[in-house]
Amino acid sequence: MNNKKAYIIVVSGGTKLGTELDFISDYVRHVLGFIGITDITFIDSSSVGLDESKVLAHAHENIARI
């Protein structure tokens, strides 16, 4: 599956991407890399239940930028 693009929307209970508690992004990169997908964009929608409007607005900004 070379030359494919993956967009991963991450929704968690407050774990931010890139922190020491974030295990999902490295795991997903590893699994997708195994099948040949290396062009991966993560859209961070963590804490959606904490302040839904703010997090959704941030996610929409990330999507629009892509």
N, C-alpha and C. Protein backbone atom coordinates (compact mmCIF):
# COMPACT_ATOMS: atom_id res chain seq x y z
N MET A 1 0.81 -1.18 0.00
CA MET A 1 0.00 0.00 0.00
C MET A 1 0.86 1.25 0.00
N ASN A 2 1.95 1.21 -0.70
CA ASN A 2 2.84 2.37 -0.77
C ASN A 2 2.13 3.55 -1.43
N ASN A 3 2.60 4.74 -1.12
CA ASN A 3 2.06 5.98 -1.68
C ASN A 3 0.61 6.25 -1.30
N LYS A 4 0.21 5.77 -0.15
CA LYS A 4 -1.13 6.04 0.37
C LYS A 4 -1.01 7.00 1.55
N LYS A 5 -2.05 7.80 1.76
CA LYS A 5 -2.09 8.77 2.84
C LYS A 5 -3.11 8.32 3.87
N ALA A 6 -2.78 8.44 5.15
CA ALA A 6 -3.71 8.08 6.22
C ALA A 6 -3.95 9.31 7.10
N TYR A 7 -5.21 9.55 7.40
CA TYR A 7 -5.61 10.59 8.34
C TYR A 7 -6.20 9.88 9.55
N ILE A 8 -5.60 10.08 10.70
CA ILE A 8 -6.04 9.41 11.92
C ILE A 8 -6.58 10.45 12.89
N ILE A 9 -7.85 10.33 13.23
CA ILE A 9 -8.45 11.22 14.22
C ILE A 9 -8.39 10.50 15.56
N VAL A 10 -7.71 11.12 16.51
CA VAL A 10 -7.53 10.51 17.83
C VAL A 10 -8.44 11.23 18.82
N VAL A 11 -9.30 10.45 19.46
CA VAL A 11 -10.19 10.97 20.48
C VAL A 11 -9.89 10.19 21.75
N SER A 12 -9.53 10.90 22.79
CA SER A 12 -9.21 10.22 24.05
C SER A 12 -9.83 10.99 25.21
N GLY A 13 -9.65 10.47 26.38
CA GLY A 13 -10.20 11.10 27.56
C GLY A 13 -9.32 12.17 28.14
N GLY A 14 -8.39 12.68 27.37
CA GLY A 14 -7.55 13.76 27.87
C GLY A 14 -6.07 13.57 27.59
N THR A 15 -5.67 12.42 27.08
CA THR A 15 -4.26 12.18 26.77
C THR A 15 -3.91 12.92 25.49
N LYS A 16 -2.99 13.85 25.58
CA LYS A 16 -2.58 14.62 24.41
C LYS A 16 -1.58 13.83 23.57
N LEU A 17 -1.65 14.01 22.26
CA LEU A 17 -0.67 13.37 21.38
C LEU A 17 0.71 13.96 21.65
N GLY A 18 1.70 13.10 21.60
CA GLY A 18 3.08 13.55 21.78
C GLY A 18 3.56 13.57 23.22
N THR A 19 2.70 13.23 24.17
CA THR A 19 3.13 13.18 25.56
C THR A 19 3.63 11.78 25.88
N GLU A 20 4.20 11.61 27.05
CA GLU A 20 4.71 10.29 27.43
C GLU A 20 3.59 9.27 27.62
N LEU A 21 2.38 9.72 27.85
CA LEU A 21 1.24 8.81 28.00
C LEU A 21 0.62 8.41 26.66
N ASP A 22 1.02 9.06 25.60
CA ASP A 22 0.49 8.77 24.26
C ASP A 22 1.20 7.55 23.69
N PHE A 23 0.51 6.41 23.70
CA PHE A 23 1.08 5.21 23.09
C PHE A 23 0.47 4.95 21.73
N ILE A 24 -0.67 5.56 21.44
CA ILE A 24 -1.41 5.20 20.24
C ILE A 24 -0.73 5.68 18.95
N SER A 25 -0.13 6.87 18.97
CA SER A 25 0.43 7.38 17.71
C SER A 25 1.60 6.53 17.24
N ASP A 26 2.50 6.14 18.15
CA ASP A 26 3.61 5.27 17.74
C ASP A 26 3.10 3.90 17.29
N TYR A 27 2.10 3.38 17.98
CA TYR A 27 1.53 2.08 17.63
C TYR A 27 0.91 2.12 16.23
N VAL A 28 0.10 3.16 15.98
CA VAL A 28 -0.55 3.27 14.67
C VAL A 28 0.49 3.48 13.57
N ARG A 29 1.50 4.30 13.84
CA ARG A 29 2.58 4.47 12.85
C ARG A 29 3.25 3.13 12.53
N HIS A 30 3.50 2.33 13.56
CA HIS A 30 4.14 1.03 13.38
C HIS A 30 3.26 0.10 12.55
N VAL A 31 1.99 -0.01 12.91
CA VAL A 31 1.07 -0.92 12.20
C VAL A 31 0.89 -0.48 10.75
N LEU A 32 0.65 0.81 10.53
CA LEU A 32 0.47 1.27 9.16
C LEU A 32 1.76 1.17 8.35
N GLY A 33 2.89 1.43 9.01
CA GLY A 33 4.17 1.28 8.33
C GLY A 33 4.42 -0.15 7.90
N PHE A 34 3.94 -1.10 8.68
CA PHE A 34 4.09 -2.52 8.35
C PHE A 34 3.42 -2.86 7.03
N ILE A 35 2.31 -2.17 6.71
CA ILE A 35 1.64 -2.44 5.44
C ILE A 35 1.99 -1.41 4.37
N GLY A 36 2.97 -0.55 4.68
CA GLY A 36 3.50 0.36 3.67
C GLY A 36 2.98 1.77 3.70
N ILE A 37 2.13 2.10 4.65
CA ILE A 37 1.60 3.46 4.73
C ILE A 37 2.46 4.26 5.71
N THR A 38 3.20 5.23 5.18
CA THR A 38 4.09 6.02 6.03
C THR A 38 3.73 7.50 6.05
N ASP A 39 2.85 7.92 5.18
CA ASP A 39 2.40 9.32 5.14
C ASP A 39 1.15 9.43 6.01
N ILE A 40 1.36 9.76 7.29
CA ILE A 40 0.28 9.73 8.28
C ILE A 40 0.13 11.10 8.91
N THR A 41 -1.11 11.57 8.95
CA THR A 41 -1.43 12.82 9.63
C THR A 41 -2.38 12.52 10.77
N PHE A 42 -2.01 12.95 11.98
CA PHE A 42 -2.86 12.76 13.15
C PHE A 42 -3.64 14.03 13.40
N ILE A 43 -4.93 13.89 13.67
CA ILE A 43 -5.79 15.00 14.05
C ILE A 43 -6.16 14.75 15.50
N ASP A 44 -5.70 15.63 16.38
CA ASP A 44 -5.86 15.45 17.82
C ASP A 44 -7.20 16.03 18.27
N SER A 45 -8.10 15.16 18.70
CA SER A 45 -9.38 15.59 19.24
C SER A 45 -9.52 15.09 20.67
N SER A 46 -8.41 15.00 21.37
CA SER A 46 -8.45 14.51 22.74
C SER A 46 -9.20 15.50 23.62
N SER A 47 -9.74 15.02 24.68
CA SER A 47 -10.51 15.80 25.66
C SER A 47 -11.84 16.28 25.11
N VAL A 48 -12.37 15.61 24.09
CA VAL A 48 -13.61 16.08 23.48
C VAL A 48 -14.74 16.15 24.50
N GLY A 49 -14.73 15.26 25.49
CA GLY A 49 -15.78 15.27 26.48
C GLY A 49 -15.60 16.36 27.52
N LEU A 50 -14.41 16.95 27.59
CA LEU A 50 -14.15 17.96 28.60
C LEU A 50 -14.61 19.34 28.17
N ASP A 51 -14.33 19.72 26.94
CA ASP A 51 -14.79 21.00 26.40
C ASP A 51 -15.05 20.79 24.92
N GLU A 52 -16.18 20.21 24.64
CA GLU A 52 -16.49 19.73 23.30
C GLU A 52 -16.37 20.81 22.23
N SER A 53 -16.91 21.98 22.45
CA SER A 53 -16.89 23.00 21.41
C SER A 53 -15.48 23.46 21.08
N LYS A 54 -14.65 23.61 22.11
CA LYS A 54 -13.27 24.04 21.89
C LYS A 54 -12.47 22.98 21.14
N VAL A 55 -12.61 21.73 21.55
CA VAL A 55 -11.86 20.64 20.91
C VAL A 55 -12.33 20.42 19.48
N LEU A 56 -13.63 20.47 19.26
CA LEU A 56 -14.14 20.29 17.90
C LEU A 56 -13.69 21.43 16.98
N ALA A 57 -13.67 22.64 17.50
CA ALA A 57 -13.18 23.77 16.71
C ALA A 57 -11.72 23.56 16.34
N HIS A 58 -10.93 23.07 17.30
CA HIS A 58 -9.51 22.79 17.04
C HIS A 58 -9.36 21.70 15.99
N ALA A 59 -10.17 20.64 16.09
CA ALA A 59 -10.11 19.56 15.11
C ALA A 59 -10.49 20.06 13.72
N HIS A 60 -11.51 20.90 13.63
CA HIS A 60 -11.91 21.45 12.33
C HIS A 60 -10.81 22.34 11.74
N GLU A 61 -10.12 23.07 12.59
CA GLU A 61 -8.98 23.89 12.10
C GLU A 61 -7.90 23.00 11.53
N ASN A 62 -7.59 21.89 12.23
CA ASN A 62 -6.58 20.96 11.72
C ASN A 62 -7.01 20.35 10.39
N ILE A 63 -8.26 19.97 10.29
CA ILE A 63 -8.77 19.38 9.04
C ILE A 63 -8.71 20.39 7.90
N ALA A 64 -9.10 21.62 8.16
CA ALA A 64 -9.07 22.67 7.14
C ALA A 64 -7.65 22.94 6.67
N ARG A 65 -6.68 22.87 7.58
CA ARG A 65 -5.29 23.10 7.23
C ARG A 65 -4.76 22.01 6.31
N ILE A 66 -5.27 20.80 6.46
CA ILE A 66 -4.83 19.67 5.65
C ILE A 66 -5.37 19.85 4.25
